[in-house]
């Protein structure tokens, strides 16, 4: 069924993490409904809004890293492309920033 996609460990961890976040946010929203809040984002947002924006940002970070990893290896004179775990860590940091300060 999923043979069309390359299921590496980082990809599996990424999607499992997203599923766990959505489940956790659903439970959190049921237990404690959110209110609008203004952070550094140019709009007032709820927790769910910030999660969505953060997940979009994480997707773009990962796509950009995958697209540029060959060039990064060339520029930094690496023997192989940099690990995808680097973009995963950057994505998590950006998501945490948006969730806390956005």
PDB file of N, CA and C in Angstrom:
ATOM      1  N   UNK A   1       0.822  -1.194   0.000  1.00  0.00           N
ATOM      2  CA  UNK A   1       0.000   0.000   0.000  1.00  0.00           C
ATOM      3  C   UNK A   1       0.872   1.266   0.000  1.00  0.00           C
ATOM      4  N   UNK A   2       1.920   1.286   0.832  1.00  0.00           N
ATOM      5  CA  UNK A   2       2.773   2.467   0.902  1.00  0.00           C
ATOM      6  C   UNK A   2       4.096   2.270   0.177  1.00  0.00           C
ATOM      7  N   UNK A   3       4.142   1.357  -0.770  1.00  0.00           N
ATOM      8  CA  UNK A   3       5.400   1.060  -1.455  1.00  0.00           C
ATOM      9  C   UNK A   3       5.847   2.200  -2.371  1.00  0.00           C
ATOM     10  N   UNK A   4       4.958   3.135  -2.704  1.00  0.00           N
ATOM     11  CA  UNK A   4       5.307   4.237  -3.577  1.00  0.00           C
ATOM     12  C   UNK A   4       6.176   5.268  -2.862  1.00  0.00           C
ATOM     13  N   UNK A   5       6.195   5.237  -1.514  1.00  0.00           N
ATOM     14  CA  UNK A   5       6.932   6.236  -0.758  1.00  0.00           C
ATOM     15  C   UNK A   5       8.139   5.603  -0.078  1.00  0.00           C
ATOM     16  N   UNK A   6       9.221   6.335  -0.031  1.00  0.00           N
ATOM     17  CA  UNK A   6      10.422   5.851   0.636  1.00  0.00           C
ATOM     18  C   UNK A   6      10.257   6.120   2.133  1.00  0.00           C
ATOM     19  N   UNK A   7       9.956   5.070   2.899  1.00  0.00           N
ATOM     20  CA  UNK A   7       9.733   5.206   4.333  1.00  0.00           C
ATOM     21  C   UNK A   7      11.041   4.995   5.072  1.00  0.00           C
ATOM     22  N   UNK A   8      11.814   6.065   5.173  1.00  0.00           N
ATOM     23  CA  UNK A   8      13.027   6.013   5.968  1.00  0.00           C
ATOM     24  C   UNK A   8      12.669   6.327   7.416  1.00  0.00           C
ATOM     25  N   UNK A   9      13.596   6.109   8.308  1.00  0.00           N
ATOM     26  CA  UNK A   9      13.335   6.392   9.719  1.00  0.00           C
ATOM     27  C   UNK A   9      12.970   7.858   9.957  1.00  0.00           C
ATOM     28  N   UNK A  10      13.698   8.835   9.389  1.00  0.00           N
ATOM     29  CA  UNK A  10      13.306  10.230   9.614  1.00  0.00           C
ATOM     30  C   UNK A  10      11.899  10.552   9.105  1.00  0.00           C
ATOM     31  N   UNK A  11      11.515   9.985   7.978  1.00  0.00           N
ATOM     32  CA  UNK A  11      10.172  10.232   7.440  1.00  0.00           C
ATOM     33  C   UNK A  11       9.121   9.650   8.377  1.00  0.00           C
ATOM     34  N   UNK A  12       9.341   8.434   8.850  1.00  0.00           N
ATOM     35  CA  UNK A  12       8.393   7.797   9.766  1.00  0.00           C
ATOM     36  C   UNK A  12       8.289   8.585  11.066  1.00  0.00           C
ATOM     37  N   UNK A  13       9.420   9.012  11.610  1.00  0.00           N
ATOM     38  CA  UNK A  13       9.407   9.805  12.854  1.00  0.00           C
ATOM     39  C   UNK A  13       8.655  11.109  12.634  1.00  0.00           C
ATOM     40  N   UNK A  14       8.873  11.756  11.502  1.00  0.00           N
ATOM     41  CA  UNK A  14       8.205  13.016  11.194  1.00  0.00           C
ATOM     42  C   UNK A  14       6.686  12.851  11.193  1.00  0.00           C
ATOM     43  N   UNK A  15       6.182  11.829  10.492  1.00  0.00           N
ATOM     44  CA  UNK A  15       4.736  11.640  10.413  1.00  0.00           C
ATOM     45  C   UNK A  15       4.140  11.147  11.729  1.00  0.00           C
ATOM     46  N   UNK A  16       4.868  10.337  12.462  1.00  0.00           N
ATOM     47  CA  UNK A  16       4.395   9.905  13.780  1.00  0.00           C
ATOM     48  C   UNK A  16       4.310  11.108  14.709  1.00  0.00           C
ATOM     49  N   UNK A  17       5.315  11.977  14.647  1.00  0.00           N
ATOM     50  CA  UNK A  17       5.323  13.179  15.466  1.00  0.00           C
ATOM     51  C   UNK A  17       4.128  14.072  15.144  1.00  0.00           C
ATOM     52  N   UNK A  18       3.816  14.234  13.868  1.00  0.00           N
ATOM     53  CA  UNK A  18       2.663  15.046  13.478  1.00  0.00           C
ATOM     54  C   UNK A  18       1.364  14.431  14.010  1.00  0.00           C
ATOM     55  N   UNK A  19       1.212  13.116  13.881  1.00  0.00           N
ATOM     56  CA  UNK A  19       0.008  12.444  14.382  1.00  0.00           C
ATOM     57  C   UNK A  19      -0.117  12.613  15.891  1.00  0.00           C
ATOM     58  N   UNK A  20       0.973  12.483  16.623  1.00  0.00           N
ATOM     59  CA  UNK A  20       0.947  12.660  18.069  1.00  0.00           C
ATOM     60  C   UNK A  20       0.611  14.097  18.457  1.00  0.00           C
ATOM     61  N   UNK A  21       1.145  15.057  17.705  1.00  0.00           N
ATOM     62  CA  UNK A  21       0.822  16.458  17.985  1.00  0.00           C
ATOM     63  C   UNK A  21      -0.655  16.748  17.755  1.00  0.00           C
ATOM     64  N   UNK A  22      -1.194  16.247  16.666  1.00  0.00           N
ATOM     65  CA  UNK A  22      -2.623  16.482  16.393  1.00  0.00           C
ATOM     66  C   UNK A  22      -3.502  15.842  17.459  1.00  0.00           C
ATOM     67  N   UNK A  23      -3.143  14.652  17.892  1.00  0.00           N
ATOM     68  CA  UNK A  23      -3.897  13.985  18.960  1.00  0.00           C
ATOM     69  C   UNK A  23      -3.790  14.778  20.254  1.00  0.00           C
ATOM     70  N   UNK A  24      -2.585  15.181  20.600  1.00  0.00           N
ATOM     71  CA  UNK A  24      -2.380  15.957  21.821  1.00  0.00           C
ATOM     72  C   UNK A  24      -3.110  17.291  21.799  1.00  0.00           C
ATOM     73  N   UNK A  25      -3.073  17.971  20.656  1.00  0.00           N
ATOM     74  CA  UNK A  25      -3.766  19.253  20.549  1.00  0.00           C
ATOM     75  C   UNK A  25      -5.279  19.084  20.648  1.00  0.00           C
ATOM     76  N   UNK A  26      -5.797  17.990  20.108  1.00  0.00           N
ATOM     77  CA  UNK A  26      -7.238  17.732  20.208  1.00  0.00           C
ATOM     78  C   UNK A  26      -7.644  17.531  21.667  1.00  0.00           C
ATOM     79  N   UNK A  27      -6.899  16.733  22.380  1.00  0.00           N
ATOM     80  CA  UNK A  27      -7.191  16.496  23.805  1.00  0.00           C
ATOM     81  C   UNK A  27      -7.054  17.793  24.591  1.00  0.00           C
ATOM     82  N   UNK A  28      -5.993  18.554  24.327  1.00  0.00           N
ATOM     83  CA  UNK A  28      -5.774  19.823  25.021  1.00  0.00           C
ATOM     84  C   UNK A  28      -6.915  20.798  24.754  1.00  0.00           C
ATOM     85  N   UNK A  29      -7.384  20.855  23.516  1.00  0.00           N
ATOM     86  CA  UNK A  29      -8.478  21.766  23.162  1.00  0.00           C
ATOM     87  C   UNK A  29      -9.781  21.359  23.858  1.00  0.00           C
ATOM     88  N   UNK A  30     -10.024  20.071  23.987  1.00  0.00           N
ATOM     89  CA  UNK A  30     -11.231  19.597  24.678  1.00  0.00           C
ATOM     90  C   UNK A  30     -11.160  19.943  26.157  1.00  0.00           C
ATOM     91  N   UNK A  31      -9.993  19.741  26.759  1.00  0.00           N
ATOM     92  CA  UNK A  31      -9.809  20.005  28.196  1.00  0.00           C
ATOM     93  C   UNK A  31      -9.785  21.494  28.518  1.00  0.00           C
ATOM     94  N   UNK A  32      -9.161  22.281  27.659  1.00  0.00           N
ATOM     95  CA  UNK A  32      -8.975  23.704  27.911  1.00  0.00           C
ATOM     96  C   UNK A  32      -9.131  24.481  26.607  1.00  0.00           C
ATOM     97  N   UNK A  33     -10.354  24.951  26.295  1.00  0.00           N
ATOM     98  CA  UNK A  33     -10.561  25.695  25.045  1.00  0.00           C
ATOM     99  C   UNK A  33      -9.648  26.927  24.979  1.00  0.00           C
ATOM    100  N   UNK A  34      -9.203  27.234  23.795  1.00  0.00           N
ATOM    101  CA  UNK A  34      -8.241  28.313  23.593  1.00  0.00           C
ATOM    102  C   UNK A  34      -8.932  29.640  23.298  1.00  0.00           C
ATOM    103  N   UNK A  35      -8.174  30.717  23.452  1.00  0.00           N
ATOM    104  CA  UNK A  35      -8.645  32.054  23.092  1.00  0.00           C
ATOM    105  C   UNK A  35      -7.662  32.651  22.091  1.00  0.00           C
ATOM    106  N   UNK A  36      -8.101  33.678  21.401  1.00  0.00           N
ATOM    107  CA  UNK A  36      -7.218  34.353  20.449  1.00  0.00           C
ATOM    108  C   UNK A  36      -6.088  35.054  21.194  1.00  0.00           C
ATOM    109  N   UNK A  37      -4.906  35.037  20.583  1.00  0.00           N
ATOM    110  CA  UNK A  37      -3.739  35.661  21.181  1.00  0.00           C
ATOM    111  C   UNK A  37      -2.911  36.299  20.082  1.00  0.00           C
ATOM    112  N   UNK A  38      -2.283  37.424  20.385  1.00  0.00           N
ATOM    113  CA  UNK A  38      -1.434  38.122  19.416  1.00  0.00           C
ATOM    114  C   UNK A  38       0.016  37.961  19.851  1.00  0.00           C
ATOM    115  N   UNK A  39       0.827  37.369  18.980  1.00  0.00           N
ATOM    116  CA  UNK A  39       2.260  37.223  19.208  1.00  0.00           C
ATOM    117  C   UNK A  39       3.010  37.936  18.101  1.00  0.00           C
ATOM    118  N   UNK A  40       4.132  37.357  17.656  1.00  0.00           N
ATOM    119  CA  UNK A  40       4.902  38.003  16.586  1.00  0.00           C
ATOM    120  C   UNK A  40       4.281  37.788  15.209  1.00  0.00           C
ATOM    121  N   UNK A  41       3.340  36.836  15.095  1.00  0.00           N
ATOM    122  CA  UNK A  41       2.641  36.662  13.815  1.00  0.00           C
ATOM    123  C   UNK A  41       1.729  37.870  13.583  1.00  0.00           C
ATOM    124  N   UNK A  42       1.502  38.255  12.341  1.00  0.00           N
ATOM    125  CA  UNK A  42       0.735  39.482  12.076  1.00  0.00           C
ATOM    126  C   UNK A  42      -0.770  39.347  12.289  1.00  0.00           C
ATOM    127  N   UNK A  43      -1.229  38.206  12.789  1.00  0.00           N
ATOM    128  CA  UNK A  43      -2.659  38.002  13.045  1.00  0.00           C
ATOM    129  C   UNK A  43      -2.846  37.420  14.439  1.00  0.00           C
ATOM    130  N   UNK A  44      -4.033  37.603  14.992  1.00  0.00           N
ATOM    131  CA  UNK A  44      -4.370  36.952  16.252  1.00  0.00           C
ATOM    132  C   UNK A  44      -4.654  35.480  15.950  1.00  0.00           C
ATOM    133  N   UNK A  45      -4.082  34.582  16.754  1.00  0.00           N
ATOM    134  CA  UNK A  45      -4.174  33.153  16.468  1.00  0.00           C
ATOM    135  C   UNK A  45      -4.575  32.362  17.701  1.00  0.00           C
ATOM    136  N   UNK A  46      -5.123  31.180  17.455  1.00  0.00           N
ATOM    137  CA  UNK A  46      -5.378  30.209  18.512  1.00  0.00           C
ATOM    138  C   UNK A  46      -4.252  29.177  18.482  1.00  0.00           C
ATOM    139  N   UNK A  47      -4.255  28.253  19.453  1.00  0.00           N
ATOM    140  CA  UNK A  47      -3.242  27.188  19.453  1.00  0.00           C
ATOM    141  C   UNK A  47      -3.285  26.394  18.161  1.00  0.00           C
ATOM    142  N   UNK A  48      -4.482  26.067  17.701  1.00  0.00           N
ATOM    143  CA  UNK A  48      -4.624  25.301  16.470  1.00  0.00           C
ATOM    144  C   UNK A  48      -4.088  26.039  15.257  1.00  0.00           C
ATOM    145  N   UNK A  49      -4.322  27.348  15.198  1.00  0.00           N
ATOM    146  CA  UNK A  49      -3.783  28.165  14.106  1.00  0.00           C
ATOM    147  C   UNK A  49      -2.265  28.128  14.112  1.00  0.00           C
ATOM    148  N   UNK A  50      -1.687  28.306  15.303  1.00  0.00           N
ATOM    149  CA  UNK A  50      -0.222  28.309  15.403  1.00  0.00           C
ATOM    150  C   UNK A  50       0.351  26.940  15.064  1.00  0.00           C
ATOM    151  N   UNK A  51      -0.340  25.860  15.437  1.00  0.00           N
ATOM    152  CA  UNK A  51       0.126  24.525  15.070  1.00  0.00           C
ATOM    153  C   UNK A  51       0.114  24.362  13.556  1.00  0.00           C
ATOM    154  N   UNK A  52      -0.954  24.785  12.908  1.00  0.00           N
ATOM    155  CA  UNK A  52      -1.056  24.675  11.455  1.00  0.00           C
ATOM    156  C   UNK A  52       0.052  25.480  10.778  1.00  0.00           C
ATOM    157  N   UNK A  53       0.259  26.718  11.218  1.00  0.00           N
ATOM    158  CA  UNK A  53       1.305  27.563  10.642  1.00  0.00           C
ATOM    159  C   UNK A  53       2.680  26.935  10.885  1.00  0.00           C
ATOM    160  N   UNK A  54       2.887  26.401  12.078  1.00  0.00           N
ATOM    161  CA  UNK A  54       4.154  25.757  12.396  1.00  0.00           C
ATOM    162  C   UNK A  54       4.401  24.509  11.567  1.00  0.00           C
ATOM    163  N   UNK A  55       3.355  23.716  11.336  1.00  0.00           N
ATOM    164  CA  UNK A  55       3.505  22.518  10.509  1.00  0.00           C
ATOM    165  C   UNK A  55       3.794  22.876   9.055  1.00  0.00           C
ATOM    166  N   UNK A  56       3.149  23.928   8.560  1.00  0.00           N
ATOM    167  CA  UNK A  56       3.468  24.389   7.199  1.00  0.00           C
ATOM    168  C   UNK A  56       4.927  24.829   7.110  1.00  0.00           C
ATOM    169  N   UNK A  57       5.365  25.574   8.117  1.00  0.00           N
ATOM    170  CA  UNK A  57       6.756  26.007   8.142  1.00  0.00           C
ATOM    171  C   UNK A  57       7.712  24.822   8.192  1.00  0.00           C
ATOM    172  N   UNK A  58       7.373  23.807   8.997  1.00  0.00           N
ATOM    173  CA  UNK A  58       8.218  22.606   9.092  1.00  0.00           C
ATOM    174  C   UNK A  58       8.285  21.890   7.749  1.00  0.00           C
ATOM    175  N   UNK A  59       7.169  21.824   7.066  1.00  0.00           N
ATOM    176  CA  UNK A  59       7.164  21.169   5.752  1.00  0.00           C
ATOM    177  C   UNK A  59       8.060  21.925   4.775  1.00  0.00           C
ATOM    178  N   UNK A  60       7.967  23.256   4.770  1.00  0.00           N
ATOM    179  CA  UNK A  60       8.805  24.053   3.861  1.00  0.00           C
ATOM    180  C   UNK A  60      10.285  23.935   4.221  1.00  0.00           C
ATOM    181  N   UNK A  61      10.588  23.915   5.509  1.00  0.00           N
ATOM    182  CA  UNK A  61      11.987  23.761   5.931  1.00  0.00           C
ATOM    183  C   UNK A  61      12.530  22.428   5.445  1.00  0.00           C
ATOM    184  N   UNK A  62      11.770  21.353   5.631  1.00  0.00           N
ATOM    185  CA  UNK A  62      12.226  20.031   5.201  1.00  0.00           C
ATOM    186  C   UNK A  62      12.360  19.947   3.682  1.00  0.00           C
ATOM    187  N   UNK A  63      11.404  20.499   2.955  1.00  0.00           N
ATOM    188  CA  UNK A  63      11.493  20.479   1.494  1.00  0.00           C
ATOM    189  C   UNK A  63      12.688  21.285   0.995  1.00  0.00           C
ATOM    190  N   UNK A  64      12.912  22.439   1.599  1.00  0.00           N
ATOM    191  CA  UNK A  64      14.058  23.260   1.196  1.00  0.00           C
ATOM    192  C   UNK A  64      15.364  22.536   1.496  1.00  0.00           C
ATOM    193  N   UNK A  65      15.426  21.873   2.640  1.00  0.00           N
ATOM    194  CA  UNK A  65      16.648  21.150   3.006  1.00  0.00           C
ATOM    195  C   UNK A  65      16.911  20.001   2.036  1.00  0.00           C
ATOM    196  N   UNK A  66      15.868  19.264   1.707  1.00  0.00           N
ATOM    197  CA  UNK A  66      16.028  18.155   0.758  1.00  0.00           C
ATOM    198  C   UNK A  66      16.481  18.700  -0.598  1.00  0.00           C
ATOM    199  N   UNK A  67      15.895  19.800  -1.025  1.00  0.00           N
ATOM    200  CA  UNK A  67      16.259  20.379  -2.304  1.00  0.00           C
ATOM    201  C   UNK A  67      17.661  20.965  -2.332  1.00  0.00           C
ATOM    202  N   UNK A  68      18.128  21.476  -1.206  1.00  0.00           N
ATOM    203  CA  UNK A  68      19.427  22.131  -1.158  1.00  0.00           C
ATOM    204  C   UNK A  68      20.541  21.258  -0.594  1.00  0.00           C
ATOM    205  N   UNK A  69      20.230  20.050  -0.132  1.00  0.00           N
ATOM    206  CA  UNK A  69      21.255  19.233   0.530  1.00  0.00           C
ATOM    207  C   UNK A  69      22.416  18.888  -0.401  1.00  0.00           C
ATOM    208  N   UNK A  70      22.143  18.674  -1.675  1.00  0.00           N
ATOM    209  CA  UNK A  70      23.221  18.418  -2.630  1.00  0.00           C
ATOM    210  C   UNK A  70      24.144  19.623  -2.774  1.00  0.00           C
ATOM    211  N   UNK A  71      23.536  20.802  -2.842  1.00  0.00           N
ATOM    212  CA  UNK A  71      24.329  22.034  -2.941  1.00  0.00           C
ATOM    213  C   UNK A  71      25.103  22.276  -1.651  1.00  0.00           C
ATOM    214  N   UNK A  72      24.478  22.001  -0.499  1.00  0.00           N
ATOM    215  CA  UNK A  72      25.177  22.159   0.781  1.00  0.00           C
ATOM    216  C   UNK A  72      26.403  21.260   0.842  1.00  0.00           C
ATOM    217  N   UNK A  73      26.248  20.027   0.394  1.00  0.00           N
ATOM    218  CA  UNK A  73      27.379  19.098   0.385  1.00  0.00           C
ATOM    219  C   UNK A  73      28.488  19.620  -0.521  1.00  0.00           C
ATOM    220  N   UNK A  74      28.109  20.208  -1.636  1.00  0.00           N
ATOM    221  CA  UNK A  74      29.096  20.762  -2.568  1.00  0.00           C
ATOM    222  C   UNK A  74      29.784  21.988  -1.979  1.00  0.00           C
ATOM    223  N   UNK A  75      28.982  22.917  -1.406  1.00  0.00           N
ATOM    224  CA  UNK A  75      29.538  24.145  -0.842  1.00  0.00           C
ATOM    225  C   UNK A  75      30.447  23.864   0.349  1.00  0.00           C
ATOM    226  N   UNK A  76      30.040  22.914   1.203  1.00  0.00           N
ATOM    227  CA  UNK A  76      30.810  22.607   2.408  1.00  0.00           C
ATOM    228  C   UNK A  76      31.849  21.517   2.181  1.00  0.00           C
ATOM    229  N   UNK A  77      31.931  21.056   0.939  1.00  0.00           N
ATOM    230  CA  UNK A  77      32.880  20.015   0.541  1.00  0.00           C
ATOM    231  C   UNK A  77      32.732  18.749   1.404  1.00  0.00           C
ATOM    232  N   UNK A  78      31.483  18.309   1.560  1.00  0.00           N
ATOM    233  CA  UNK A  78      31.186  17.092   2.319  1.00  0.00           C
ATOM    234  C   UNK A  78      31.235  15.891   1.392  1.00  0.00           C
ATOM    235  N   UNK A  79      31.536  14.738   1.945  1.00  0.00           N
ATOM    236  CA  UNK A  79      31.604  13.509   1.146  1.00  0.00           C
ATOM    237  C   UNK A  79      30.206  13.033   0.723  1.00  0.00           C
ATOM    238  N   UNK A  80      29.206  13.291   1.579  1.00  0.00           N
ATOM    239  CA  UNK A  80      27.830  12.888   1.272  1.00  0.00           C
ATOM    240  C   UNK A  80      26.887  14.006   1.703  1.00  0.00           C
ATOM    241  N   UNK A  81      25.633  13.894   1.274  1.00  0.00           N
ATOM    242  CA  UNK A  81      24.643  14.906   1.646  1.00  0.00           C
ATOM    243  C   UNK A  81      24.467  14.937   3.159  1.00  0.00           C
ATOM    244  N   UNK A  82      24.184  16.133   3.727  1.00  0.00           N
ATOM    245  CA  UNK A  82      23.950  16.225   5.165  1.00  0.00           C
ATOM    246  C   UNK A  82      22.721  15.408   5.581  1.00  0.00           C
ATOM    247  N   UNK A  83      22.704  14.982   6.815  1.00  0.00           N
ATOM    248  CA  UNK A  83      21.623  14.156   7.335  1.00  0.00           C
ATOM    249  C   UNK A  83      20.310  14.928   7.384  1.00  0.00           C
ATOM    250  N   UNK A  84      19.239  14.240   7.076  1.00  0.00           N
ATOM    251  CA  UNK A  84      17.907  14.847   7.122  1.00  0.00           C
ATOM    252  C   UNK A  84      17.494  15.166   8.564  1.00  0.00           C
ATOM    253  N   UNK A  85      18.175  14.560   9.531  1.00  0.00           N
ATOM    254  CA  UNK A  85      17.893  14.856  10.945  1.00  0.00           C
ATOM    255  C   UNK A  85      18.165  16.320  11.269  1.00  0.00           C
ATOM    256  N   UNK A  86      19.058  16.954  10.520  1.00  0.00           N
ATOM    257  CA  UNK A  86      19.336  18.376  10.733  1.00  0.00           C
ATOM    258  C   UNK A  86      18.088  19.201  10.445  1.00  0.00           C
ATOM    259  N   UNK A  87      17.437  18.936   9.333  1.00  0.00           N
ATOM    260  CA  UNK A  87      16.217  19.690   9.001  1.00  0.00           C
ATOM    261  C   UNK A  87      15.095  19.351   9.967  1.00  0.00           C
ATOM    262  N   UNK A  88      15.069  18.109  10.456  1.00  0.00           N
ATOM    263  CA  UNK A  88      14.059  17.727  11.444  1.00  0.00           C
ATOM    264  C   UNK A  88      14.235  18.564  12.710  1.00  0.00           C
ATOM    265  N   UNK A  89      15.467  18.711  13.184  1.00  0.00           N
ATOM    266  CA  UNK A  89      15.737  19.503  14.387  1.00  0.00           C
ATOM    267  C   UNK A  89      15.388  20.976  14.171  1.00  0.00           C
ATOM    268  N   UNK A  90      15.735  21.512  12.992  1.00  0.00           N
ATOM    269  CA  UNK A  90      15.400  22.904  12.682  1.00  0.00           C
ATOM    270  C   UNK A  90      13.884  23.082  12.625  1.00  0.00           C
ATOM    271  N   UNK A  91      13.183  22.108  12.052  1.00  0.00           N
ATOM    272  CA  UNK A  91      11.720  22.165  11.964  1.00  0.00           C
ATOM    273  C   UNK A  91      11.076  22.170  13.344  1.00  0.00           C
ATOM    274  N   UNK A  92      11.576  21.303  14.222  1.00  0.00           N
ATOM    275  CA  UNK A  92      11.029  21.239  15.585  1.00  0.00           C
ATOM    276  C   UNK A  92      11.275  22.556  16.310  1.00  0.00           C
ATOM    277  N   UNK A  93      12.472  23.122  16.165  1.00  0.00           N
ATOM    278  CA  UNK A  93      12.780  24.399  16.804  1.00  0.00           C
ATOM    279  C   UNK A  93      11.863  25.509  16.279  1.00  0.00           C
ATOM    280  N   UNK A  94      11.629  25.542  14.964  1.00  0.00           N
ATOM    281  CA  UNK A  94      10.741  26.558  14.388  1.00  0.00           C
ATOM    282  C   UNK A  94       9.305  26.356  14.862  1.00  0.00           C
ATOM    283  N   UNK A  95       8.860  25.117  14.948  1.00  0.00           N
ATOM    284  CA  UNK A  95       7.503  24.825  15.425  1.00  0.00           C
ATOM    285  C   UNK A  95       7.341  25.267  16.872  1.00  0.00           C
ATOM    286  N   UNK A  96       8.321  24.970  17.699  1.00  0.00           N
ATOM    287  CA  UNK A  96       8.252  25.391  19.118  1.00  0.00           C
ATOM    288  C   UNK A  96       8.224  26.914  19.217  1.00  0.00           C
ATOM    289  N   UNK A  97       9.025  27.596  18.410  1.00  0.00           N
ATOM    290  CA  UNK A  97       9.025  29.056  18.410  1.00  0.00           C
ATOM    291  C   UNK A  97       7.653  29.612  18.037  1.00  0.00           C
ATOM    292  N   UNK A  98       7.046  29.094  16.993  1.00  0.00           N
ATOM    293  CA  UNK A  98       5.730  29.577  16.554  1.00  0.00           C
ATOM    294  C   UNK A  98       4.673  29.266  17.616  1.00  0.00           C
ATOM    295  N   UNK A  99       4.723  28.082  18.197  1.00  0.00           N
ATOM    296  CA  UNK A  99       3.719  27.713  19.205  1.00  0.00           C
ATOM    297  C   UNK A  99       3.837  28.572  20.471  1.00  0.00           C
ATOM    298  N   UNK A 100       5.041  28.902  20.877  1.00  0.00           N
ATOM    299  CA  UNK A 100       5.232  29.638  22.131  1.00  0.00           C
ATOM    300  C   UNK A 100       5.128  31.147  21.960  1.00  0.00           C
ATOM    301  N   UNK A 101       5.692  31.679  20.892  1.00  0.00           N
ATOM    302  CA  UNK A 101       5.772  33.134  20.736  1.00  0.00           C
ATOM    303  C   UNK A 101       4.911  33.694  19.608  1.00  0.00           C
ATOM    304  N   UNK A 102       4.361  32.816  18.758  1.00  0.00           N
ATOM    305  CA  UNK A 102       3.587  33.264  17.611  1.00  0.00           C
ATOM    306  C   UNK A 102       2.275  33.797  18.032  1.00  0.00           C
TER     307      UNK A 102
END
